[in-house]
C-alpha atoms as a PDB file:
ATOM      1  CA  MET A   1       0.000   0.000   0.000  1.00  0.00           C
ATOM      2  CA  PRO A   2       1.293   3.472  -0.800  1.00  0.00           C
ATOM      3  CA  ARG A   3       2.287   5.739   2.091  1.00  0.00           C
ATOM      4  CA  ILE A   4       0.759   9.209   1.914  1.00  0.00           C
ATOM      5  CA  ASN A   5       1.430  12.421   3.824  1.00  0.00           C
ATOM      6  CA  SER A   6      -0.937  15.150   4.907  1.00  0.00           C
ATOM      7  CA  PHE A   7      -0.512  18.870   4.323  1.00  0.00           C
ATOM      8  CA  PRO A   8       0.797  21.540   6.667  1.00  0.00           C
ATOM      9  CA  PRO A   9      -1.968  23.238   8.633  1.00  0.00           C
ATOM     10  CA  ILE A  10      -3.840  26.257   7.416  1.00  0.00           C
ATOM     11  CA  GLU A  11      -3.394  28.492  10.406  1.00  0.00           C
ATOM     12  CA  ASP A  12      -2.951  31.916  11.837  1.00  0.00           C
ATOM     13  CA  SER A  13      -1.809  32.868  15.320  1.00  0.00           C
ATOM     14  CA  THR A  14      -5.264  34.302  16.080  1.00  0.00           C
ATOM     15  CA  ALA A  15      -7.155  31.064  15.340  1.00  0.00           C
ATOM     16  CA  LYS A  16      -9.914  30.235  17.805  1.00  0.00           C
ATOM     17  CA  VAL A  17     -11.210  27.097  16.092  1.00  0.00           C
ATOM     18  CA  LEU A  18      -9.415  24.034  14.754  1.00  0.00           C
ATOM     19  CA  ILE A  19     -11.109  21.778  12.216  1.00  0.00           C
ATOM     20  CA  LEU A  20      -9.496  18.357  11.962  1.00  0.00           C
ATOM     21  CA  GLY A  21      -9.966  15.921   9.124  1.00  0.00           C
ATOM     22  CA  SER A  22      -8.373  12.498   8.968  1.00  0.00           C
ATOM     23  CA  MET A  23      -6.203  12.484   5.812  1.00  0.00           C
ATOM     24  CA  PRO A  24      -6.484  14.222   2.414  1.00  0.00           C
ATOM     25  CA  SER A  25      -8.224  12.318  -0.379  1.00  0.00           C
ATOM     26  CA  LYS A  26      -6.420  11.291  -3.546  1.00  0.00           C
ATOM     27  CA  ALA A  27      -7.961  14.284  -5.355  1.00  0.00           C
ATOM     28  CA  SER A  28      -6.711  16.616  -2.620  1.00  0.00           C
ATOM     29  CA  LEU A  29      -3.223  15.110  -2.681  1.00  0.00           C
ATOM     30  CA  ILE A  30      -3.033  15.527  -6.468  1.00  0.00           C
ATOM     31  CA  ALA A  31      -4.275  19.131  -6.278  1.00  0.00           C
ATOM     32  CA  GLY A  32      -2.215  19.979  -3.183  1.00  0.00           C
ATOM     33  CA  GLN A  33      -5.326  21.473  -1.585  1.00  0.00           C
ATOM     34  CA  TYR A  34      -7.564  20.577   1.314  1.00  0.00           C
ATOM     35  CA  TYR A  35     -10.931  19.176   0.243  1.00  0.00           C
ATOM     36  CA  ALA A  36     -10.262  19.321  -3.492  1.00  0.00           C
ATOM     37  CA  HIS A  37     -12.658  16.534  -4.506  1.00  0.00           C
ATOM     38  CA  ARG A  38     -15.363  18.298  -6.489  1.00  0.00           C
ATOM     39  CA  ARG A  39     -18.157  16.486  -4.628  1.00  0.00           C
ATOM     40  CA  ASN A  40     -16.777  17.122  -1.136  1.00  0.00           C
ATOM     41  CA  SER A  41     -19.075  19.704   0.439  1.00  0.00           C
ATOM     42  CA  PHE A  42     -16.491  21.331   2.744  1.00  0.00           C
ATOM     43  CA  TRP A  43     -15.900  24.424   0.597  1.00  0.00           C
ATOM     44  CA  SER A  44     -19.580  24.772  -0.287  1.00  0.00           C
ATOM     45  CA  ILE A  45     -20.362  24.767   3.427  1.00  0.00           C
ATOM     46  CA  MET A  46     -17.578  27.313   4.039  1.00  0.00           C
ATOM     47  CA  GLY A  47     -19.095  29.356   1.221  1.00  0.00           C
ATOM     48  CA  ASP A  48     -22.438  29.455   2.975  1.00  0.00           C
ATOM     49  CA  LEU A  49     -20.939  30.068   6.414  1.00  0.00           C
ATOM     50  CA  ILE A  50     -18.046  32.485   5.811  1.00  0.00           C
ATOM     51  CA  SER A  51     -18.152  33.383   2.094  1.00  0.00           C
ATOM     52  CA  ALA A  52     -15.361  30.981   1.050  1.00  0.00           C
ATOM     53  CA  PRO A  53     -17.088  29.054  -1.775  1.00  0.00           C
ATOM     54  CA  PRO A  54     -15.323  26.568  -4.060  1.00  0.00           C
ATOM     55  CA  THR A  55     -15.607  29.057  -6.941  1.00  0.00           C
ATOM     56  CA  LEU A  56     -12.984  31.305  -5.338  1.00  0.00           C
ATOM     57  CA  PRO A  57      -9.298  30.608  -5.915  1.00  0.00           C
ATOM     58  CA  TYR A  58      -7.888  28.281  -3.256  1.00  0.00           C
ATOM     59  CA  ALA A  59      -5.548  30.964  -1.872  1.00  0.00           C
ATOM     60  CA  SER A  60      -8.538  33.270  -1.323  1.00  0.00           C
ATOM     61  CA  ARG A  61     -10.462  30.552   0.508  1.00  0.00           C
ATOM     62  CA  VAL A  62      -7.454  29.926   2.742  1.00  0.00           C
ATOM     63  CA  GLN A  63      -7.224  33.644   3.578  1.00  0.00           C
ATOM     64  CA  ILE A  64     -10.932  33.761   4.425  1.00  0.00           C
ATOM     65  CA  LEU A  65     -10.513  30.824   6.822  1.00  0.00           C
ATOM     66  CA  LYS A  66      -7.651  32.646   8.531  1.00  0.00           C
ATOM     67  CA  TYR A  67      -9.593  35.921   8.639  1.00  0.00           C
ATOM     68  CA  ASN A  68     -12.401  34.070  10.416  1.00  0.00           C
ATOM     69  CA  ASP A  69      -9.987  32.598  12.993  1.00  0.00           C
ATOM     70  CA  ILE A  70     -10.384  29.061  11.656  1.00  0.00           C
ATOM     71  CA  ALA A  71      -7.418  26.678  11.443  1.00  0.00           C
ATOM     72  CA  LEU A  72      -7.568  23.517   9.353  1.00  0.00           C
ATOM     73  CA  TRP A  73      -5.447  20.380   9.604  1.00  0.00           C
ATOM     74  CA  ASP A  74      -5.580  16.597   9.656  1.00  0.00           C
ATOM     75  CA  VAL A  75      -5.178  14.301  12.629  1.00  0.00           C
ATOM     76  CA  LEU A  76      -2.816  12.038  10.716  1.00  0.00           C
ATOM     77  CA  ALA A  77       0.545  13.145   9.366  1.00  0.00           C
ATOM     78  CA  SER A  78       0.956   9.994   7.286  1.00  0.00           C
ATOM     79  CA  CYS A  79      -0.485   6.553   6.710  1.00  0.00           C
ATOM     80  CA  SER A  80      -0.845   3.813   4.138  1.00  0.00           C
ATOM     81  CA  ARG A  81      -4.113   3.714   2.233  1.00  0.00           C
ATOM     82  CA  GLU A  82      -5.242   2.259  -1.092  1.00  0.00           C
ATOM     83  CA  SER A  83      -8.254   4.449  -1.800  1.00  0.00           C
ATOM     84  CA  SER A  84      -9.509   7.777  -0.506  1.00  0.00           C
ATOM     85  CA  LEU A  85     -11.774   6.130   2.050  1.00  0.00           C
ATOM     86  CA  ASP A  86     -10.909   6.553   5.719  1.00  0.00           C
ATOM     87  CA  SER A  87     -11.959   2.950   6.252  1.00  0.00           C
ATOM     88  CA  ASP A  88      -9.062   1.889   3.992  1.00  0.00           C
ATOM     89  CA  ILE A  89      -6.421   3.502   6.211  1.00  0.00           C
ATOM     90  CA  ASP A  90      -4.046   0.887   7.590  1.00  0.00           C
ATOM     91  CA  LYS A  91      -4.301   1.824  11.262  1.00  0.00           C
ATOM     92  CA  ALA A  92      -0.949   0.184  12.069  1.00  0.00           C
ATOM     93  CA  SER A  93       0.711   2.606   9.625  1.00  0.00           C
ATOM     94  CA  ALA A  94      -0.996   5.731  10.990  1.00  0.00           C
ATOM     95  CA  SER A  95       1.249   8.446  12.383  1.00  0.00           C
ATOM     96  CA  PRO A  96      -0.366  11.542  13.947  1.00  0.00           C
ATOM     97  CA  ASN A  97       0.465  15.188  13.465  1.00  0.00           C
ATOM     98  CA  ASP A  98       1.844  16.971  16.526  1.00  0.00           C
ATOM     99  CA  ILE A  99      -1.423  18.588  17.495  1.00  0.00           C
ATOM    100  CA  GLY A 100      -0.204  19.132  21.058  1.00  0.00           C
ATOM    101  CA  LEU A 101       2.610  21.351  19.816  1.00  0.00           C
ATOM    102  CA  PHE A 102       0.204  23.117  17.459  1.00  0.00           C
ATOM    103  CA  LEU A 103      -2.174  23.893  20.327  1.00  0.00           C
ATOM    104  CA  SER A 104       0.683  25.105  22.534  1.00  0.00           C
ATOM    105  CA  THR A 105       1.529  27.722  19.899  1.00  0.00           C
ATOM    106  CA  HIS A 106      -2.115  28.582  19.140  1.00  0.00           C
ATOM    107  CA  ARG A 107      -3.376  29.344  22.617  1.00  0.00           C
ATOM    108  CA  ASN A 108      -6.608  31.012  21.462  1.00  0.00           C
ATOM    109  CA  ILE A 109      -8.011  27.707  20.199  1.00  0.00           C
ATOM    110  CA  ARG A 110     -10.699  26.467  22.532  1.00  0.00           C
ATOM    111  CA  ASN A 111     -12.837  24.482  20.093  1.00  0.00           C
ATOM    112  CA  ILE A 112     -11.836  21.480  18.029  1.00  0.00           C
ATOM    113  CA  PHE A 113     -14.247  20.195  15.416  1.00  0.00           C
ATOM    114  CA  PHE A 114     -13.854  16.846  13.693  1.00  0.00           C
ATOM    115  CA  ASN A 115     -14.827  16.471  10.058  1.00  0.00           C
ATOM    116  CA  GLY A 116     -16.428  13.076  10.480  1.00  0.00           C
ATOM    117  CA  THR A 117     -16.249  10.033  12.702  1.00  0.00           C
ATOM    118  CA  MET A 118     -12.823   8.747  11.645  1.00  0.00           C
ATOM    119  CA  ALA A 119     -11.104  12.071  12.343  1.00  0.00           C
ATOM    120  CA  GLU A 120     -12.579  11.973  15.832  1.00  0.00           C
ATOM    121  CA  LYS A 121     -11.575   8.320  16.369  1.00  0.00           C
ATOM    122  CA  PHE A 122      -8.004   8.931  15.202  1.00  0.00           C
ATOM    123  CA  PHE A 123      -7.789  11.975  17.479  1.00  0.00           C
ATOM    124  CA  TYR A 124      -8.876  10.036  20.559  1.00  0.00           C
ATOM    125  CA  THR A 125      -6.651   7.089  19.641  1.00  0.00           C
ATOM    126  CA  PHE A 126      -3.437   8.960  18.815  1.00  0.00           C
ATOM    127  CA  VAL A 127      -3.595  12.511  20.154  1.00  0.00           C
ATOM    128  CA  GLN A 128      -5.953  13.325  23.004  1.00  0.00           C
ATOM    129  CA  HIS A 129      -4.024  11.460  25.721  1.00  0.00           C
ATOM    130  CA  GLU A 130      -0.906  13.543  24.952  1.00  0.00           C
ATOM    131  CA  LEU A 131      -2.559  16.936  25.295  1.00  0.00           C
ATOM    132  CA  GLU A 132      -1.986  19.197  28.238  1.00  0.00           C
ATOM    133  CA  SER A 133      -4.958  19.460  30.471  1.00  0.00           C
ATOM    134  CA  LYS A 134      -6.613  22.573  29.146  1.00  0.00           C
ATOM    135  CA  LEU A 135     -10.131  23.668  28.517  1.00  0.00           C
ATOM    136  CA  LEU A 136     -10.977  22.441  25.060  1.00  0.00           C
ATOM    137  CA  GLN A 137     -14.376  21.724  23.610  1.00  0.00           C
ATOM    138  CA  TYR A 138     -14.678  18.857  21.113  1.00  0.00           C
ATOM    139  CA  LYS A 139     -17.453  18.282  18.611  1.00  0.00           C
ATOM    140  CA  ARG A 140     -17.818  15.778  15.793  1.00  0.00           C
ATOM    141  CA  LEU A 141     -19.514  17.194  12.723  1.00  0.00           C
ATOM    142  CA  PRO A 142     -20.913  15.157   9.848  1.00  0.00           C
ATOM    143  CA  SER A 143     -18.274  14.318   7.280  1.00  0.00           C
ATOM    144  CA  THR A 144     -18.276  16.530   4.214  1.00  0.00           C
ATOM    145  CA  SER A 145     -17.022  13.594   2.136  1.00  0.00           C
ATOM    146  CA  PRO A 146     -19.143  12.497  -0.814  1.00  0.00           C
ATOM    147  CA  ALA A 147     -19.055   9.022   0.789  1.00  0.00           C
ATOM    148  CA  ASN A 148     -21.298  10.416   3.560  1.00  0.00           C
ATOM    149  CA  ALA A 149     -24.566  10.340   1.664  1.00  0.00           C
ATOM    150  CA  SER A 150     -26.752   9.650   4.708  1.00  0.00           C
ATOM    151  CA  LEU A 151     -27.325  13.380   5.277  1.00  0.00           C
ATOM    152  CA  SER A 152     -28.412  16.053   2.861  1.00  0.00           C
ATOM    153  CA  TYR A 153     -26.253  19.079   2.183  1.00  0.00           C
ATOM    154  CA  TYR A 154     -28.590  21.220   4.282  1.00  0.00           C
ATOM    155  CA  GLN A 155     -28.437  18.827   7.233  1.00  0.00           C
ATOM    156  CA  LYS A 156     -24.636  18.979   7.093  1.00  0.00           C
ATOM    157  CA  LEU A 157     -24.704  22.767   6.758  1.00  0.00           C
ATOM    158  CA  ASP A 158     -26.980  23.079   9.780  1.00  0.00           C
ATOM    159  CA  ALA A 159     -24.582  21.005  11.907  1.00  0.00           C
ATOM    160  CA  TRP A 160     -21.525  22.918  10.662  1.00  0.00           C
ATOM    161  CA  LYS A 161     -23.036  26.231  11.810  1.00  0.00           C
ATOM    162  CA  ALA A 162     -21.509  25.375  15.205  1.00  0.00           C
ATOM    163  CA  ILE A 163     -18.170  26.562  13.806  1.00  0.00           C
ATOM    164  CA  ILE A 164     -19.237  30.122  13.177  1.00  0.00           C
ATOM    165  CA  GLN A 165     -20.999  30.266  16.529  1.00  0.00           C
ATOM    166  CA  THR A 166     -17.643  29.678  18.252  1.00  0.00           C
ATOM    167  CA  ALA A 167     -15.217  31.349  15.829  1.00  0.00           C
ATOM    168  CA  VAL A 168     -16.842  34.754  15.852  1.00  0.00           C
END
């Protein structure tokens, strides 16, 4: 199985919110951009919430995230995976990002949101036990992946509104 690596975080020192995914999809890795798969609803949701729609250039969307005090990263730094599905990640190969260090240098972050169940599971498996005891709020949001077809776009959007309620 091929070993893949995640991206550096999208971040700013003023970030108040951290959104964690699991690992970029094949489309994202090819494009070198978070959530690049055309059917992933992340950027459409960000468009509705903070005016960062997928029609804007990627660099503009990144700046809008930063302007809104939102950081974006993945729980895993690297892993082996055949497809883009989180369920295909070889858990024995998973290596986490240093989220503890990230949080120690981004002290305004009080809310961590997980983009889907697997991001949350990887966080609790690999990261949470290493964090300093500090007041953090955790919330799993429905995955924006096209593989998560159990919810409509508007149901996902409604759940993701929690981000703007804490970031602003």
